[in-house]
Amino acid sequence: MAFEKNAVLAAHKLIKKYNTSDPYELAKKCGYILLYADLGDINYAQRDYYKRINVITLNSRSNESL
């Protein structure tokens, strides 16, 4: 992970702190905005930070069940 050296440990801390493992609920509680957009065939998601707003854009073309 580019932003966190130990992403698994950070994820476990968030799960324990917010008492949920639902990624959508965790994103909401951490202040992220979730959007859906066509990101092409390569990306499943991207994280953006603009004017102090954290945004996660999920690929609407992804075949993975969410």
PDB file of N, CA and C in Angstrom:
ATOM      1  N   MET A   1       0.849  -1.182   0.000  1.00  0.00           N
ATOM      2  CA  MET A   1       0.000   0.000   0.000  1.00  0.00           C
ATOM      3  C   MET A   1       0.895   1.245   0.000  1.00  0.00           C
ATOM      4  N   ALA A   2       0.512   2.207  -0.755  1.00  0.00           N
ATOM      5  CA  ALA A   2       1.321   3.407  -0.883  1.00  0.00           C
ATOM      6  C   ALA A   2       1.206   4.328   0.322  1.00  0.00           C
ATOM      7  N   PHE A   3       0.097   4.299   1.034  1.00  0.00           N
ATOM      8  CA  PHE A   3      -0.138   5.259   2.104  1.00  0.00           C
ATOM      9  C   PHE A   3       0.059   4.682   3.496  1.00  0.00           C
ATOM     10  N   GLU A   4       0.069   3.389   3.618  1.00  0.00           N
ATOM     11  CA  GLU A   4       0.153   2.746   4.933  1.00  0.00           C
ATOM     12  C   GLU A   4       1.142   1.596   4.859  1.00  0.00           C
ATOM     13  N   LYS A   5       2.160   1.611   5.738  1.00  0.00           N
ATOM     14  CA  LYS A   5       3.163   0.558   5.702  1.00  0.00           C
ATOM     15  C   LYS A   5       2.570  -0.788   6.093  1.00  0.00           C
ATOM     16  N   ASN A   6       1.710  -0.803   7.080  1.00  0.00           N
ATOM     17  CA  ASN A   6       1.098  -2.048   7.500  1.00  0.00           C
ATOM     18  C   ASN A   6      -0.416  -1.907   7.381  1.00  0.00           C
ATOM     19  N   ALA A   7      -0.913  -2.103   6.180  1.00  0.00           N
ATOM     20  CA  ALA A   7      -2.328  -1.879   5.889  1.00  0.00           C
ATOM     21  C   ALA A   7      -3.228  -2.849   6.641  1.00  0.00           C
ATOM     22  N   VAL A   8      -2.784  -4.078   6.838  1.00  0.00           N
ATOM     23  CA  VAL A   8      -3.613  -5.065   7.538  1.00  0.00           C
ATOM     24  C   VAL A   8      -3.811  -4.649   8.992  1.00  0.00           C
ATOM     25  N   LEU A   9      -2.748  -4.223   9.642  1.00  0.00           N
ATOM     26  CA  LEU A   9      -2.848  -3.763  11.027  1.00  0.00           C
ATOM     27  C   LEU A   9      -3.753  -2.534  11.128  1.00  0.00           C
ATOM     28  N   ALA A  10      -3.618  -1.605  10.197  1.00  0.00           N
ATOM     29  CA  ALA A  10      -4.466  -0.410  10.189  1.00  0.00           C
ATOM     30  C   ALA A  10      -5.928  -0.788   9.994  1.00  0.00           C
ATOM     31  N   ALA A  11      -6.187  -1.762   9.126  1.00  0.00           N
ATOM     32  CA  ALA A  11      -7.571  -2.206   8.889  1.00  0.00           C
ATOM     33  C   ALA A  11      -8.156  -2.834  10.149  1.00  0.00           C
ATOM     34  N   HIS A  12      -7.367  -3.654  10.832  1.00  0.00           N
ATOM     35  CA  HIS A  12      -7.851  -4.282  12.067  1.00  0.00           C
ATOM     36  C   HIS A  12      -8.150  -3.241  13.143  1.00  0.00           C
ATOM     37  N   LYS A  13      -7.337  -2.201  13.210  1.00  0.00           N
ATOM     38  CA  LYS A  13      -7.586  -1.125  14.180  1.00  0.00           C
ATOM     39  C   LYS A  13      -8.899  -0.406  13.888  1.00  0.00           C
ATOM     40  N   LEU A  14      -9.167  -0.138  12.607  1.00  0.00           N
ATOM     41  CA  LEU A  14     -10.424   0.518  12.228  1.00  0.00           C
ATOM     42  C   LEU A  14     -11.630  -0.367  12.509  1.00  0.00           C
ATOM     43  N   ILE A  15     -11.492  -1.656  12.218  1.00  0.00           N
ATOM     44  CA  ILE A  15     -12.587  -2.597  12.471  1.00  0.00           C
ATOM     45  C   ILE A  15     -12.912  -2.639  13.957  1.00  0.00           C
ATOM     46  N   LYS A  16     -11.874  -2.670  14.778  1.00  0.00           N
ATOM     47  CA  LYS A  16     -12.088  -2.704  16.232  1.00  0.00           C
ATOM     48  C   LYS A  16     -12.665  -1.377  16.735  1.00  0.00           C
ATOM     49  N   LYS A  17     -12.146  -0.262  16.210  1.00  0.00           N
ATOM     50  CA  LYS A  17     -12.589   1.059  16.657  1.00  0.00           C
ATOM     51  C   LYS A  17     -14.063   1.304  16.342  1.00  0.00           C
ATOM     52  N   TYR A  18     -14.495   0.947  15.134  1.00  0.00           N
ATOM     53  CA  TYR A  18     -15.858   1.235  14.694  1.00  0.00           C
ATOM     54  C   TYR A  18     -16.798   0.039  14.826  1.00  0.00           C
ATOM     55  N   ASN A  19     -16.265  -1.100  15.289  1.00  0.00           N
ATOM     56  CA  ASN A  19     -17.072  -2.287  15.558  1.00  0.00           C
ATOM     57  C   ASN A  19     -17.854  -2.764  14.335  1.00  0.00           C
ATOM     58  N   THR A  20     -17.226  -2.690  13.167  1.00  0.00           N
ATOM     59  CA  THR A  20     -17.828  -3.191  11.930  1.00  0.00           C
ATOM     60  C   THR A  20     -16.710  -3.531  10.951  1.00  0.00           C
ATOM     61  N   SER A  21     -16.966  -4.520  10.104  1.00  0.00           N
ATOM     62  CA  SER A  21     -16.009  -4.846   9.043  1.00  0.00           C
ATOM     63  C   SER A  21     -16.590  -4.538   7.662  1.00  0.00           C
ATOM     64  N   ASP A  22     -17.752  -3.914   7.629  1.00  0.00           N
ATOM     65  CA  ASP A  22     -18.383  -3.514   6.369  1.00  0.00           C
ATOM     66  C   ASP A  22     -17.590  -2.357   5.765  1.00  0.00           C
ATOM     67  N   PRO A  23     -16.988  -2.545   4.579  1.00  0.00           N
ATOM     68  CA  PRO A  23     -16.149  -1.486   4.008  1.00  0.00           C
ATOM     69  C   PRO A  23     -16.903  -0.188   3.715  1.00  0.00           C
ATOM     70  N   TYR A  24     -18.181  -0.296   3.369  1.00  0.00           N
ATOM     71  CA  TYR A  24     -18.968   0.904   3.089  1.00  0.00           C
ATOM     72  C   TYR A  24     -19.238   1.689   4.371  1.00  0.00           C
ATOM     73  N   GLU A  25     -19.527   0.983   5.438  1.00  0.00           N
ATOM     74  CA  GLU A  25     -19.761   1.623   6.735  1.00  0.00           C
ATOM     75  C   GLU A  25     -18.468   2.241   7.273  1.00  0.00           C
ATOM     76  N   LEU A  26     -17.345   1.529   7.112  1.00  0.00           N
ATOM     77  CA  LEU A  26     -16.054   2.069   7.557  1.00  0.00           C
ATOM     78  C   LEU A  26     -15.699   3.334   6.783  1.00  0.00           C
ATOM     79  N   ALA A  27     -15.918   3.331   5.484  1.00  0.00           N
ATOM     80  CA  ALA A  27     -15.623   4.517   4.679  1.00  0.00           C
ATOM     81  C   ALA A  27     -16.464   5.699   5.145  1.00  0.00           C
ATOM     82  N   LYS A  28     -17.731   5.451   5.422  1.00  0.00           N
ATOM     83  CA  LYS A  28     -18.628   6.513   5.885  1.00  0.00           C
ATOM     84  C   LYS A  28     -18.176   7.059   7.233  1.00  0.00           C
ATOM     85  N   LYS A  29     -17.838   6.163   8.158  1.00  0.00           N
ATOM     86  CA  LYS A  29     -17.426   6.589   9.495  1.00  0.00           C
ATOM     87  C   LYS A  29     -16.072   7.286   9.497  1.00  0.00           C
ATOM     88  N   CYS A  30     -15.232   6.970   8.520  1.00  0.00           N
ATOM     89  CA  CYS A  30     -13.921   7.619   8.407  1.00  0.00           C
ATOM     90  C   CYS A  30     -13.990   8.924   7.604  1.00  0.00           C
ATOM     91  N   GLY A  31     -15.181   9.269   7.118  1.00  0.00           N
ATOM     92  CA  GLY A  31     -15.358  10.536   6.421  1.00  0.00           C
ATOM     93  C   GLY A  31     -15.069  10.496   4.936  1.00  0.00           C
ATOM     94  N   TYR A  32     -15.051   9.319   4.335  1.00  0.00           N
ATOM     95  CA  TYR A  32     -14.829   9.211   2.898  1.00  0.00           C
ATOM     96  C   TYR A  32     -16.164   9.282   2.160  1.00  0.00           C
ATOM     97  N   ILE A  33     -16.124   9.835   0.975  1.00  0.00           N
ATOM     98  CA  ILE A  33     -17.276   9.854   0.081  1.00  0.00           C
ATOM     99  C   ILE A  33     -17.043   8.757  -0.949  1.00  0.00           C
ATOM    100  N   LEU A  34     -18.031   7.909  -1.157  1.00  0.00           N
ATOM    101  CA  LEU A  34     -17.930   6.845  -2.154  1.00  0.00           C
ATOM    102  C   LEU A  34     -18.685   7.246  -3.406  1.00  0.00           C
ATOM    103  N   LEU A  35     -18.017   7.141  -4.540  1.00  0.00           N
ATOM    104  CA  LEU A  35     -18.620   7.432  -5.837  1.00  0.00           C
ATOM    105  C   LEU A  35     -18.410   6.237  -6.750  1.00  0.00           C
ATOM    106  N   TYR A  36     -19.213   6.139  -7.777  1.00  0.00           N
ATOM    107  CA  TYR A  36     -19.052   5.111  -8.798  1.00  0.00           C
ATOM    108  C   TYR A  36     -18.849   5.797 -10.133  1.00  0.00           C
ATOM    109  N   ALA A  37     -17.863   5.309 -10.909  1.00  0.00           N
ATOM    110  CA  ALA A  37     -17.589   5.878 -12.228  1.00  0.00           C
ATOM    111  C   ALA A  37     -16.925   4.809 -13.095  1.00  0.00           C
ATOM    112  N   ASP A  38     -16.957   5.022 -14.394  1.00  0.00           N
ATOM    113  CA  ASP A  38     -16.288   4.119 -15.325  1.00  0.00           C
ATOM    114  C   ASP A  38     -14.801   4.460 -15.324  1.00  0.00           C
ATOM    115  N   LEU A  39     -13.988   3.588 -14.721  1.00  0.00           N
ATOM    116  CA  LEU A  39     -12.546   3.815 -14.640  1.00  0.00           C
ATOM    117  C   LEU A  39     -11.775   2.997 -15.667  1.00  0.00           C
ATOM    118  N   GLY A  40     -12.473   2.370 -16.577  1.00  0.00           N
ATOM    119  CA  GLY A  40     -11.809   1.558 -17.584  1.00  0.00           C
ATOM    120  C   GLY A  40     -11.637   0.125 -17.116  1.00  0.00           C
ATOM    121  N   ASP A  41     -10.825  -0.626 -17.846  1.00  0.00           N
ATOM    122  CA  ASP A  41     -10.647  -2.047 -17.563  1.00  0.00           C
ATOM    123  C   ASP A  41      -9.581  -2.330 -16.519  1.00  0.00           C
ATOM    124  N   ILE A  42      -8.721  -1.390 -16.219  1.00  0.00           N
ATOM    125  CA  ILE A  42      -7.567  -1.666 -15.369  1.00  0.00           C
ATOM    126  C   ILE A  42      -7.853  -1.430 -13.893  1.00  0.00           C
ATOM    127  N   ASN A  43      -8.413  -0.297 -13.535  1.00  0.00           N
ATOM    128  CA  ASN A  43      -8.598   0.069 -12.133  1.00  0.00           C
ATOM    129  C   ASN A  43      -9.899  -0.469 -11.558  1.00  0.00           C
ATOM    130  N   TYR A  44      -9.820  -0.927 -10.303  1.00  0.00           N
ATOM    131  CA  TYR A  44     -11.029  -1.293  -9.567  1.00  0.00           C
ATOM    132  C   TYR A  44     -11.525  -0.113  -8.748  1.00  0.00           C
ATOM    133  N   ALA A  45     -10.575   0.735  -8.324  1.00  0.00           N
ATOM    134  CA  ALA A  45     -10.933   1.893  -7.500  1.00  0.00           C
ATOM    135  C   ALA A  45      -9.780   2.876  -7.509  1.00  0.00           C
ATOM    136  N   GLN A  46     -10.072   4.091  -7.094  1.00  0.00           N
ATOM    137  CA  GLN A  46      -9.010   5.072  -6.893  1.00  0.00           C
ATOM    138  C   GLN A  46      -9.388   5.962  -5.731  1.00  0.00           C
ATOM    139  N   ARG A  47      -8.359   6.456  -5.041  1.00  0.00           N
ATOM    140  CA  ARG A  47      -8.564   7.338  -3.896  1.00  0.00           C
ATOM    141  C   ARG A  47      -8.091   8.726  -4.291  1.00  0.00           C
ATOM    142  N   ASP A  48      -8.911   9.717  -4.019  1.00  0.00           N
ATOM    143  CA  ASP A  48      -8.563  11.109  -4.319  1.00  0.00           C
ATOM    144  C   ASP A  48      -8.722  11.949  -3.065  1.00  0.00           C
ATOM    145  N   TYR A  49      -7.956  13.003  -3.007  1.00  0.00           N
ATOM    146  CA  TYR A  49      -8.035  13.963  -1.911  1.00  0.00           C
ATOM    147  C   TYR A  49      -8.051  15.339  -2.562  1.00  0.00           C
ATOM    148  N   TYR A  50      -9.170  16.046  -2.431  1.00  0.00           N
ATOM    149  CA  TYR A  50      -9.317  17.345  -3.093  1.00  0.00           C
ATOM    150  C   TYR A  50      -9.986  18.306  -2.135  1.00  0.00           C
ATOM    151  N   LYS A  51      -9.313  19.392  -1.868  1.00  0.00           N
ATOM    152  CA  LYS A  51      -9.830  20.425  -0.965  1.00  0.00           C
ATOM    153  C   LYS A  51     -10.287  19.837   0.366  1.00  0.00           C
ATOM    154  N   ARG A  52      -9.434  19.011   0.956  1.00  0.00           N
ATOM    155  CA  ARG A  52      -9.656  18.362   2.258  1.00  0.00           C
ATOM    156  C   ARG A  52     -10.847  17.414   2.261  1.00  0.00           C
ATOM    157  N   ILE A  53     -11.224  16.910   1.094  1.00  0.00           N
ATOM    158  CA  ILE A  53     -12.312  15.942   0.989  1.00  0.00           C
ATOM    159  C   ILE A  53     -11.721  14.628   0.477  1.00  0.00           C
ATOM    160  N   ASN A  54     -11.911  13.559   1.243  1.00  0.00           N
ATOM    161  CA  ASN A  54     -11.451  12.233   0.848  1.00  0.00           C
ATOM    162  C   ASN A  54     -12.539  11.553   0.025  1.00  0.00           C
ATOM    163  N   VAL A  55     -12.156  11.078  -1.157  1.00  0.00           N
ATOM    164  CA  VAL A  55     -13.115  10.449  -2.062  1.00  0.00           C
ATOM    165  C   VAL A  55     -12.536   9.116  -2.542  1.00  0.00           C
ATOM    166  N   ILE A  56     -13.351   8.075  -2.496  1.00  0.00           N
ATOM    167  CA  ILE A  56     -12.991   6.804  -3.099  1.00  0.00           C
ATOM    168  C   ILE A  56     -13.955   6.594  -4.258  1.00  0.00           C
ATOM    169  N   THR A  57     -13.382   6.428  -5.458  1.00  0.00           N
ATOM    170  CA  THR A  57     -14.195   6.180  -6.651  1.00  0.00           C
ATOM    171  C   THR A  57     -14.059   4.709  -7.008  1.00  0.00           C
ATOM    172  N   LEU A  58     -15.180   4.002  -7.017  1.00  0.00           N
ATOM    173  CA  LEU A  58     -15.206   2.589  -7.368  1.00  0.00           C
ATOM    174  C   LEU A  58     -15.579   2.444  -8.840  1.00  0.00           C
ATOM    175  N   ASN A  59     -14.945   1.485  -9.498  1.00  0.00           N
ATOM    176  CA  ASN A  59     -15.185   1.273 -10.914  1.00  0.00           C
ATOM    177  C   ASN A  59     -16.549   0.634 -11.130  1.00  0.00           C
ATOM    178  N   SER A  60     -17.389   1.293 -11.893  1.00  0.00           N
ATOM    179  CA  SER A  60     -18.724   0.760 -12.169  1.00  0.00           C
ATOM    180  C   SER A  60     -18.667  -0.417 -13.151  1.00  0.00           C
ATOM    181  N   ARG A  61     -17.532  -0.616 -13.828  1.00  0.00           N
ATOM    182  CA  ARG A  61     -17.384  -1.713 -14.758  1.00  0.00           C
ATOM    183  C   ARG A  61     -16.867  -2.990 -14.095  1.00  0.00           C
ATOM    184  N   SER A  62     -16.488  -2.915 -12.853  1.00  0.00           N
ATOM    185  CA  SER A  62     -15.887  -4.057 -12.171  1.00  0.00           C
ATOM    186  C   SER A  62     -16.851  -5.228 -12.134  1.00  0.00           C
ATOM    187  N   ASN A  63     -16.341  -6.433 -12.393  1.00  0.00           N
ATOM    188  CA  ASN A  63     -17.159  -7.640 -12.366  1.00  0.00           C
ATOM    189  C   ASN A  63     -17.257  -8.250 -10.987  1.00  0.00           C
ATOM    190  N   GLU A  64     -16.452  -7.761 -10.053  1.00  0.00           N
ATOM    191  CA  GLU A  64     -16.488  -8.306  -8.697  1.00  0.00           C
ATOM    192  C   GLU A  64     -17.790  -7.908  -8.023  1.00  0.00           C
ATOM    193  N   SER A  65     -18.363  -8.827  -7.279  1.00  0.00           N
ATOM    194  CA  SER A  65     -19.590  -8.516  -6.547  1.00  0.00           C
ATOM    195  C   SER A  65     -19.228  -7.706  -5.315  1.00  0.00           C
ATOM    196  N   LEU A  66     -19.947  -6.604  -5.112  1.00  0.00           N
ATOM    197  CA  LEU A  66     -19.631  -5.718  -3.994  1.00  0.00           C
ATOM    198  C   LEU A  66     -20.629  -5.886  -2.889  1.00  0.00           C
TER     199      LEU A  66
END
